[in-house]
Structure formats: C-alpha cells, structure tokens
PDB file of all heavy atoms in Angstrom:
ATOM      1  N   LEU A   1      33.882 142.486 112.122  1.00  0.00           N
ATOM      2  CA  LEU A   1      32.877 142.152 111.122  1.00  0.00           C
ATOM      3  C   LEU A   1      31.850 141.212 111.745  1.00  0.00           C
ATOM      4  O   LEU A   1      32.209 140.205 112.370  1.00  0.00           O
ATOM      5  CB  LEU A   1      33.520 141.465 109.909  1.00  0.00           C
ATOM      6  CG  LEU A   1      34.284 142.352 108.928  1.00  0.00           C
ATOM      7  CD1 LEU A   1      34.865 141.504 107.810  1.00  0.00           C
ATOM      8  CD2 LEU A   1      33.397 143.452 108.350  1.00  0.00           C
ATOM      9  N   ALA A   2      30.558 141.527 111.586  1.00  0.00           N
ATOM     10  CA  ALA A   2      29.495 140.692 112.125  1.00  0.00           C
ATOM     11  C   ALA A   2      28.285 140.760 111.196  1.00  0.00           C
ATOM     12  O   ALA A   2      28.153 141.676 110.381  1.00  0.00           O
ATOM     13  CB  ALA A   2      29.127 141.136 113.535  1.00  0.00           C
ATOM     14  N   ARG A   3      27.400 139.781 111.355  1.00  0.00           N
ATOM     15  CA  ARG A   3      26.253 139.649 110.464  1.00  0.00           C
ATOM     16  C   ARG A   3      24.977 140.095 111.184  1.00  0.00           C
ATOM     17  O   ARG A   3      24.617 139.533 112.227  1.00  0.00           O
ATOM     18  CB  ARG A   3      26.136 138.187 110.029  1.00  0.00           C
ATOM     19  CG  ARG A   3      25.316 137.950 108.790  1.00  0.00           C
ATOM     20  CD  ARG A   3      25.376 136.481 108.377  1.00  0.00           C
ATOM     21  NE  ARG A   3      26.712 136.072 107.983  1.00  0.00           N
ATOM     22  CZ  ARG A   3      27.274 136.337 106.803  1.00  0.00           C
ATOM     23  NH1 ARG A   3      26.603 137.030 105.900  1.00  0.00           N
ATOM     24  NH2 ARG A   3      28.493 135.911 106.523  1.00  0.00           N
ATOM     25  N   GLY A   4      24.325 141.131 110.673  1.00  0.00           N
ATOM     26  CA  GLY A   4      23.124 141.654 111.290  1.00  0.00           C
ATOM     27  C   GLY A   4      21.904 140.768 111.067  1.00  0.00           C
ATOM     28  O   GLY A   4      21.915 139.877 110.206  1.00  0.00           O
ATOM     29  N   ASP A   5      20.841 141.023 111.827  1.00  0.00           N
ATOM     30  CA  ASP A   5      19.586 140.271 111.673  1.00  0.00           C
ATOM     31  C   ASP A   5      19.063 140.402 110.251  1.00  0.00           C
ATOM     32  O   ASP A   5      18.956 141.503 109.703  1.00  0.00           O
ATOM     33  CB  ASP A   5      18.513 140.823 112.634  1.00  0.00           C
ATOM     34  CG  ASP A   5      18.707 140.293 114.040  1.00  0.00           C
ATOM     35  OD1 ASP A   5      19.423 139.289 114.197  1.00  0.00           O
ATOM     36  OD2 ASP A   5      18.136 140.886 114.979  1.00  0.00           O
ATOM     37  N   GLY A   6      18.743 139.272 109.658  1.00  0.00           N
ATOM     38  CA  GLY A   6      18.122 139.291 108.336  1.00  0.00           C
ATOM     39  C   GLY A   6      19.069 139.614 107.195  1.00  0.00           C
ATOM     40  O   GLY A   6      18.618 139.806 106.055  1.00  0.00           O
ATOM     41  N   SER A   7      20.350 139.709 107.462  1.00  0.00           N
ATOM     42  CA  SER A   7      21.305 140.049 106.389  1.00  0.00           C
ATOM     43  C   SER A   7      21.519 138.842 105.485  1.00  0.00           C
ATOM     44  O   SER A   7      21.287 137.697 105.870  1.00  0.00           O
ATOM     45  CB  SER A   7      22.634 140.508 106.982  1.00  0.00           C
ATOM     46  OG  SER A   7      23.236 139.460 107.724  1.00  0.00           O
ATOM     47  N   SER A   8      21.990 139.101 104.283  1.00  0.00           N
ATOM     48  CA  SER A   8      22.220 138.035 103.310  1.00  0.00           C
ATOM     49  C   SER A   8      23.438 137.220 103.680  1.00  0.00           C
ATOM     50  O   SER A   8      24.262 137.622 104.504  1.00  0.00           O
ATOM     51  CB  SER A   8      22.396 138.650 101.919  1.00  0.00           C
ATOM     52  OG  SER A   8      23.518 139.519 101.909  1.00  0.00           O
ATOM     53  N   SER A   9      23.573 136.069 103.067  1.00  0.00           N
ATOM     54  CA  SER A   9      24.740 135.226 103.290  1.00  0.00           C
ATOM     55  C   SER A   9      25.933 135.787 102.519  1.00  0.00           C
ATOM     56  O   SER A   9      25.793 136.682 101.684  1.00  0.00           O
ATOM     57  CB  SER A   9      24.450 133.791 102.843  1.00  0.00           C
ATOM     58  OG  SER A   9      24.137 133.774 101.456  1.00  0.00           O
ATOM     59  N   GLY A  10      27.112 135.224 102.803  1.00  0.00           N
ATOM     60  CA  GLY A  10      28.314 135.659 102.098  1.00  0.00           C
ATOM     61  C   GLY A  10      28.846 136.979 102.623  1.00  0.00           C
ATOM     62  O   GLY A  10      28.359 137.525 103.622  1.00  0.00           O
ATOM     63  N   THR A  11      29.825 137.519 101.932  1.00  0.00           N
ATOM     64  CA  THR A  11      30.501 138.737 102.406  1.00  0.00           C
ATOM     65  C   THR A  11      29.587 139.955 102.380  1.00  0.00           C
ATOM     66  O   THR A  11      29.751 140.871 103.186  1.00  0.00           O
ATOM     67  CB  THR A  11      31.748 139.027 101.560  1.00  0.00           C
ATOM     68  OG1 THR A  11      31.366 139.126 100.180  1.00  0.00           O
ATOM     69  CG2 THR A  11      32.798 137.930 101.718  1.00  0.00           C
ATOM     70  N   LYS A  12      28.596 139.978 101.478  1.00  0.00           N
ATOM     71  CA  LYS A  12      27.743 141.159 101.357  1.00  0.00           C
ATOM     72  C   LYS A  12      26.831 141.351 102.565  1.00  0.00           C
ATOM     73  O   LYS A  12      26.282 142.443 102.761  1.00  0.00           O
ATOM     74  CB  LYS A  12      26.918 141.080 100.074  1.00  0.00           C
ATOM     75  CG  LYS A  12      27.763 141.215  98.815  1.00  0.00           C
ATOM     76  CD  LYS A  12      26.924 141.200  97.553  1.00  0.00           C
ATOM     77  CE  LYS A  12      27.797 141.358  96.315  1.00  0.00           C
ATOM     78  NZ  LYS A  12      27.003 141.329  95.056  1.00  0.00           N
ATOM     79  N   GLY A  13      26.682 140.311 103.381  1.00  0.00           N
ATOM     80  CA  GLY A  13      25.840 140.429 104.561  1.00  0.00           C
ATOM     81  C   GLY A  13      26.587 140.848 105.805  1.00  0.00           C
ATOM     82  O   GLY A  13      26.017 140.877 106.905  1.00  0.00           O
ATOM     83  N   LEU A  14      27.861 141.213 105.677  1.00  0.00           N
ATOM     84  CA  LEU A  14      28.684 141.577 106.828  1.00  0.00           C
ATOM     85  C   LEU A  14      28.700 143.088 107.032  1.00  0.00           C
ATOM     86  O   LEU A  14      28.857 143.856 106.082  1.00  0.00           O
ATOM     87  CB  LEU A  14      30.119 141.073 106.639  1.00  0.00           C
ATOM     88  CG  LEU A  14      30.281 139.548 106.588  1.00  0.00           C
ATOM     89  CD1 LEU A  14      31.708 139.183 106.207  1.00  0.00           C
ATOM     90  CD2 LEU A  14      29.913 138.914 107.923  1.00  0.00           C
ATOM     91  N   SER A  15      28.540 143.487 108.301  1.00  0.00           N
ATOM     92  CA  SER A  15      28.623 144.898 108.673  1.00  0.00           C
ATOM     93  C   SER A  15      29.846 145.099 109.561  1.00  0.00           C
ATOM     94  O   SER A  15      30.365 144.157 110.163  1.00  0.00           O
ATOM     95  CB  SER A  15      27.364 145.328 109.427  1.00  0.00           C
ATOM     96  OG  SER A  15      26.203 145.116 108.651  1.00  0.00           O
ATOM     97  N   LEU A  16      30.292 146.352 109.642  1.00  0.00           N
ATOM     98  CA  LEU A  16      31.474 146.683 110.433  1.00  0.00           C
ATOM     99  C   LEU A  16      31.048 147.385 111.725  1.00  0.00           C
ATOM    100  O   LEU A  16      30.218 148.304 111.700  1.00  0.00           O
ATOM    101  CB  LEU A  16      32.412 147.589 109.634  1.00  0.00           C
ATOM    102  CG  LEU A  16      33.709 147.997 110.327  1.00  0.00           C
ATOM    103  CD1 LEU A  16      34.606 146.792 110.587  1.00  0.00           C
ATOM    104  CD2 LEU A  16      34.465 149.038 109.491  1.00  0.00           C
ATOM    105  N   PHE A  17      31.641 146.958 112.839  1.00  0.00           N
ATOM    106  CA  PHE A  17      31.306 147.525 114.142  1.00  0.00           C
ATOM    107  C   PHE A  17      32.569 147.907 114.908  1.00  0.00           C
ATOM    108  O   PHE A  17      33.595 147.223 114.811  1.00  0.00           O
ATOM    109  CB  PHE A  17      30.512 146.509 114.969  1.00  0.00           C
ATOM    110  CG  PHE A  17      29.196 146.133 114.375  1.00  0.00           C
ATOM    111  CD1 PHE A  17      29.094 145.066 113.486  1.00  0.00           C
ATOM    112  CD2 PHE A  17      28.055 146.864 114.672  1.00  0.00           C
ATOM    113  CE1 PHE A  17      27.874 144.718 112.921  1.00  0.00           C
ATOM    114  CE2 PHE A  17      26.833 146.525 114.109  1.00  0.00           C
ATOM    115  CZ  PHE A  17      26.741 145.448 113.228  1.00  0.00           C
ATOM    116  N   ALA A  18      32.460 149.003 115.663  1.00  0.00           N
ATOM    117  CA  ALA A  18      33.497 149.383 116.624  1.00  0.00           C
ATOM    118  C   ALA A  18      33.081 148.825 117.984  1.00  0.00           C
ATOM    119  O   ALA A  18      32.010 149.161 118.497  1.00  0.00           O
ATOM    120  CB  ALA A  18      33.646 150.895 116.690  1.00  0.00           C
ATOM    121  N   VAL A  19      33.935 147.975 118.548  1.00  0.00           N
ATOM    122  CA  VAL A  19      33.601 147.294 119.796  1.00  0.00           C
ATOM    123  C   VAL A  19      34.636 147.672 120.859  1.00  0.00           C
ATOM    124  O   VAL A  19      35.799 147.284 120.760  1.00  0.00           O
ATOM    125  CB  VAL A  19      33.595 145.761 119.610  1.00  0.00           C
ATOM    126  CG1 VAL A  19      33.177 145.063 120.908  1.00  0.00           C
ATOM    127  CG2 VAL A  19      32.677 145.365 118.461  1.00  0.00           C
ATOM    128  N   PRO A  20      34.239 148.441 121.878  1.00  0.00           N
ATOM    129  CA  PRO A  20      35.197 148.763 122.948  1.00  0.00           C
ATOM    130  C   PRO A  20      35.515 147.506 123.760  1.00  0.00           C
ATOM    131  O   PRO A  20      34.641 146.666 123.983  1.00  0.00           O
ATOM    132  CB  PRO A  20      34.438 149.791 123.801  1.00  0.00           C
ATOM    133  CG  PRO A  20      32.996 149.532 123.536  1.00  0.00           C
ATOM    134  CD  PRO A  20      32.911 149.038 122.109  1.00  0.00           C
ATOM    135  N   TRP A  21      36.775 147.391 124.185  1.00  0.00           N
ATOM    136  CA  TRP A  21      37.148 146.218 124.964  1.00  0.00           C
ATOM    137  C   TRP A  21      36.518 146.282 126.353  1.00  0.00           C
ATOM    138  O   TRP A  21      36.095 145.260 126.889  1.00  0.00           O
ATOM    139  CB  TRP A  21      38.670 146.124 125.070  1.00  0.00           C
ATOM    140  CG  TRP A  21      39.112 144.747 125.514  1.00  0.00           C
ATOM    141  CD1 TRP A  21      39.401 144.327 126.777  1.00  0.00           C
ATOM    142  CD2 TRP A  21      39.260 143.602 124.673  1.00  0.00           C
ATOM    143  NE1 TRP A  21      39.732 142.993 126.786  1.00  0.00           N
ATOM    144  CE2 TRP A  21      39.655 142.523 125.505  1.00  0.00           C
ATOM    145  CE3 TRP A  21      39.101 143.381 123.304  1.00  0.00           C
ATOM    146  CZ2 TRP A  21      39.909 141.242 125.016  1.00  0.00           C
ATOM    147  CZ3 TRP A  21      39.346 142.102 122.810  1.00  0.00           C
ATOM    148  CH2 TRP A  21      39.743 141.054 123.664  1.00  0.00           C
ATOM    149  N   ARG A  22      36.443 147.468 126.905  1.00  0.00           N
ATOM    150  CA  ARG A  22      35.834 147.658 128.232  1.00  0.00           C
ATOM    151  C   ARG A  22      34.748 148.721 128.159  1.00  0.00           C
ATOM    152  O   ARG A  22      34.785 149.604 127.297  1.00  0.00           O
ATOM    153  CB  ARG A  22      36.899 148.051 129.267  1.00  0.00           C
ATOM    154  CG  ARG A  22      37.936 146.952 129.502  1.00  0.00           C
ATOM    155  CD  ARG A  22      38.909 147.285 130.626  1.00  0.00           C
ATOM    156  NE  ARG A  22      39.848 146.189 130.808  1.00  0.00           N
ATOM    157  CZ  ARG A  22      39.615 145.118 131.564  1.00  0.00           C
ATOM    158  NH1 ARG A  22      38.475 145.030 132.231  1.00  0.00           N
ATOM    159  NH2 ARG A  22      40.508 144.155 131.676  1.00  0.00           N
ATOM    160  N   LEU A  23      33.797 148.631 129.065  1.00  0.00           N
ATOM    161  CA  LEU A  23      32.728 149.610 129.152  1.00  0.00           C
ATOM    162  C   LEU A  23      33.161 150.809 129.991  1.00  0.00           C
ATOM    163  O   LEU A  23      34.271 150.822 130.545  1.00  0.00           O
ATOM    164  CB  LEU A  23      31.483 148.954 129.755  1.00  0.00           C
ATOM    165  CG  LEU A  23      30.901 147.786 128.940  1.00  0.00           C
ATOM    166  CD1 LEU A  23      29.759 147.116 129.696  1.00  0.00           C
ATOM    167  CD2 LEU A  23      30.444 148.254 127.560  1.00  0.00           C
ATOM    168  N   GLU A  24      32.300 151.806 130.088  1.00  0.00           N
ATOM    169  CA  GLU A  24      32.660 153.059 130.758  1.00  0.00           C
ATOM    170  C   GLU A  24      33.100 152.840 132.205  1.00  0.00           C
ATOM    171  O   GLU A  24      33.968 153.544 132.723  1.00  0.00           O
ATOM    172  CB  GLU A  24      31.472 154.029 130.724  1.00  0.00           C
ATOM    173  CG  GLU A  24      31.191 154.627 129.347  1.00  0.00           C
ATOM    174  CD  GLU A  24      30.382 153.702 128.455  1.00  0.00           C
ATOM    175  OE1 GLU A  24      30.118 152.545 128.877  1.00  0.00           O
ATOM    176  OE2 GLU A  24      30.010 154.104 127.338  1.00  0.00           O
ATOM    177  N   GLY A  25      32.555 151.836 132.878  1.00  0.00           N
ATOM    178  CA  GLY A  25      32.916 151.571 134.268  1.00  0.00           C
ATOM    179  C   GLY A  25      34.174 150.748 134.432  1.00  0.00           C
ATOM    180  O   GLY A  25      34.595 150.471 135.567  1.00  0.00           O
ATOM    181  N   GLY A  26      34.778 150.328 133.333  1.00  0.00           N
ATOM    182  CA  GLY A  26      36.019 149.566 133.396  1.00  0.00           C
ATOM    183  C   GLY A  26      35.849 148.069 133.290  1.00  0.00           C
ATOM    184  O   GLY A  26      36.831 147.322 133.153  1.00  0.00           O
ATOM    185  N   GLU A  27      34.591 147.569 133.326  1.00  0.00           N
ATOM    186  CA  GLU A  27      34.369 146.130 133.244  1.00  0.00           C
ATOM    187  C   GLU A  27      34.464 145.656 131.784  1.00  0.00           C
ATOM    188  O   GLU A  27      34.246 146.424 130.850  1.00  0.00           O
ATOM    189  CB  GLU A  27      33.015 145.762 133.845  1.00  0.00           C
ATOM    190  CG  GLU A  27      31.807 146.284 133.091  1.00  0.00           C
ATOM    191  CD  GLU A  27      31.361 147.675 133.528  1.00  0.00           C
ATOM    192  OE1 GLU A  27      32.203 148.429 134.065  1.00  0.00           O
ATOM    193  OE2 GLU A  27      30.174 148.007 133.318  1.00  0.00           O
ATOM    194  N   LEU A  28      34.779 144.373 131.610  1.00  0.00           N
ATOM    195  CA  LEU A  28      34.866 143.802 130.268  1.00  0.00           C
ATOM    196  C   LEU A  28      33.529 143.925 129.554  1.00  0.00           C
ATOM    197  O   LEU A  28      32.464 143.767 130.166  1.00  0.00           O
ATOM    198  CB  LEU A  28      35.274 142.329 130.340  1.00  0.00           C
ATOM    199  CG  LEU A  28      36.748 142.016 130.637  1.00  0.00           C
ATOM    200  CD1 LEU A  28      36.941 140.527 130.860  1.00  0.00           C
ATOM    201  CD2 LEU A  28      37.636 142.498 129.498  1.00  0.00           C
ATOM    202  N   ASN A  29      33.606 144.171 128.260  1.00  0.00           N
ATOM    203  CA  ASN A  29      32.417 144.397 127.441  1.00  0.00           C
ATOM    204  C   ASN A  29      31.901 143.071 126.866  1.00  0.00           C
ATOM    205  O   ASN A  29      31.884 142.873 125.653  1.00  0.00           O
ATOM    206  CB  ASN A  29      32.758 145.387 126.318  1.00  0.00           C
ATOM    207  CG  ASN A  29      31.576 145.655 125.401  1.00  0.00           C
ATOM    208  OD1 ASN A  29      30.423 145.473 125.774  1.00  0.00           O
ATOM    209  ND2 ASN A  29      31.878 146.080 124.183  1.00  0.00           N
ATOM    210  N   GLY A  30      31.510 142.154 127.744  1.00  0.00           N
ATOM    211  CA  GLY A  30      30.984 140.873 127.260  1.00  0.00           C
ATOM    212  C   GLY A  30      32.000 140.098 126.450  1.00  0.00           C
ATOM    213  O   GLY A  30      31.644 139.360 125.520  1.00  0.00           O
ATOM    214  N   ILE A  31      33.280 140.257 126.783  1.00  0.00           N
ATOM    215  CA  ILE A  31      34.363 139.645 126.016  1.00  0.00           C
ATOM    216  C   ILE A  31      35.131 138.672 126.898  1.00  0.00           C
ATOM    217  O   ILE A  31      35.454 138.975 128.052  1.00  0.00           O
ATOM    218  CB  ILE A  31      35.326 140.724 125.469  1.00  0.00           C
ATOM    219  CG1 ILE A  31      34.579 141.680 124.524  1.00  0.00           C
ATOM    220  CG2 ILE A  31      36.497 140.075 124.735  1.00  0.00           C
ATOM    221  CD1 ILE A  31      35.402 142.859 124.071  1.00  0.00           C
ATOM    222  N   SER A  32      35.437 137.525 126.346  1.00  0.00           N
ATOM    223  CA  SER A  32      36.231 136.519 127.051  1.00  0.00           C
ATOM    224  C   SER A  32      37.303 135.981 126.116  1.00  0.00           C
ATOM    225  O   SER A  32      37.040 135.764 124.928  1.00  0.00           O
ATOM    226  CB  SER A  32      35.330 135.371 127.528  1.00  0.00           C
ATOM    227  OG  SER A  32      36.091 134.345 128.137  1.00  0.00           O
TER     228      SER A  32
END
C-alpha cells in the first residue's frame, strides 16, 4: 500500500502496488 501524488489523506488515498523483490537482471529492486 502506498500513497500516490496528489492523493487524499487517510485510507482512501492509498493505492495497491505489486512490487517485485528483484529486477529482471537479479539485482535488488531498490529495497533494503
């Protein structure tokens, strides 16, 4: 769950995203 640009506050401003842990080349996807 993450909040997009310009979205409202509270739960109604949350969007759902699928985030791969690694990218196609096998490197971490900006995750620590």
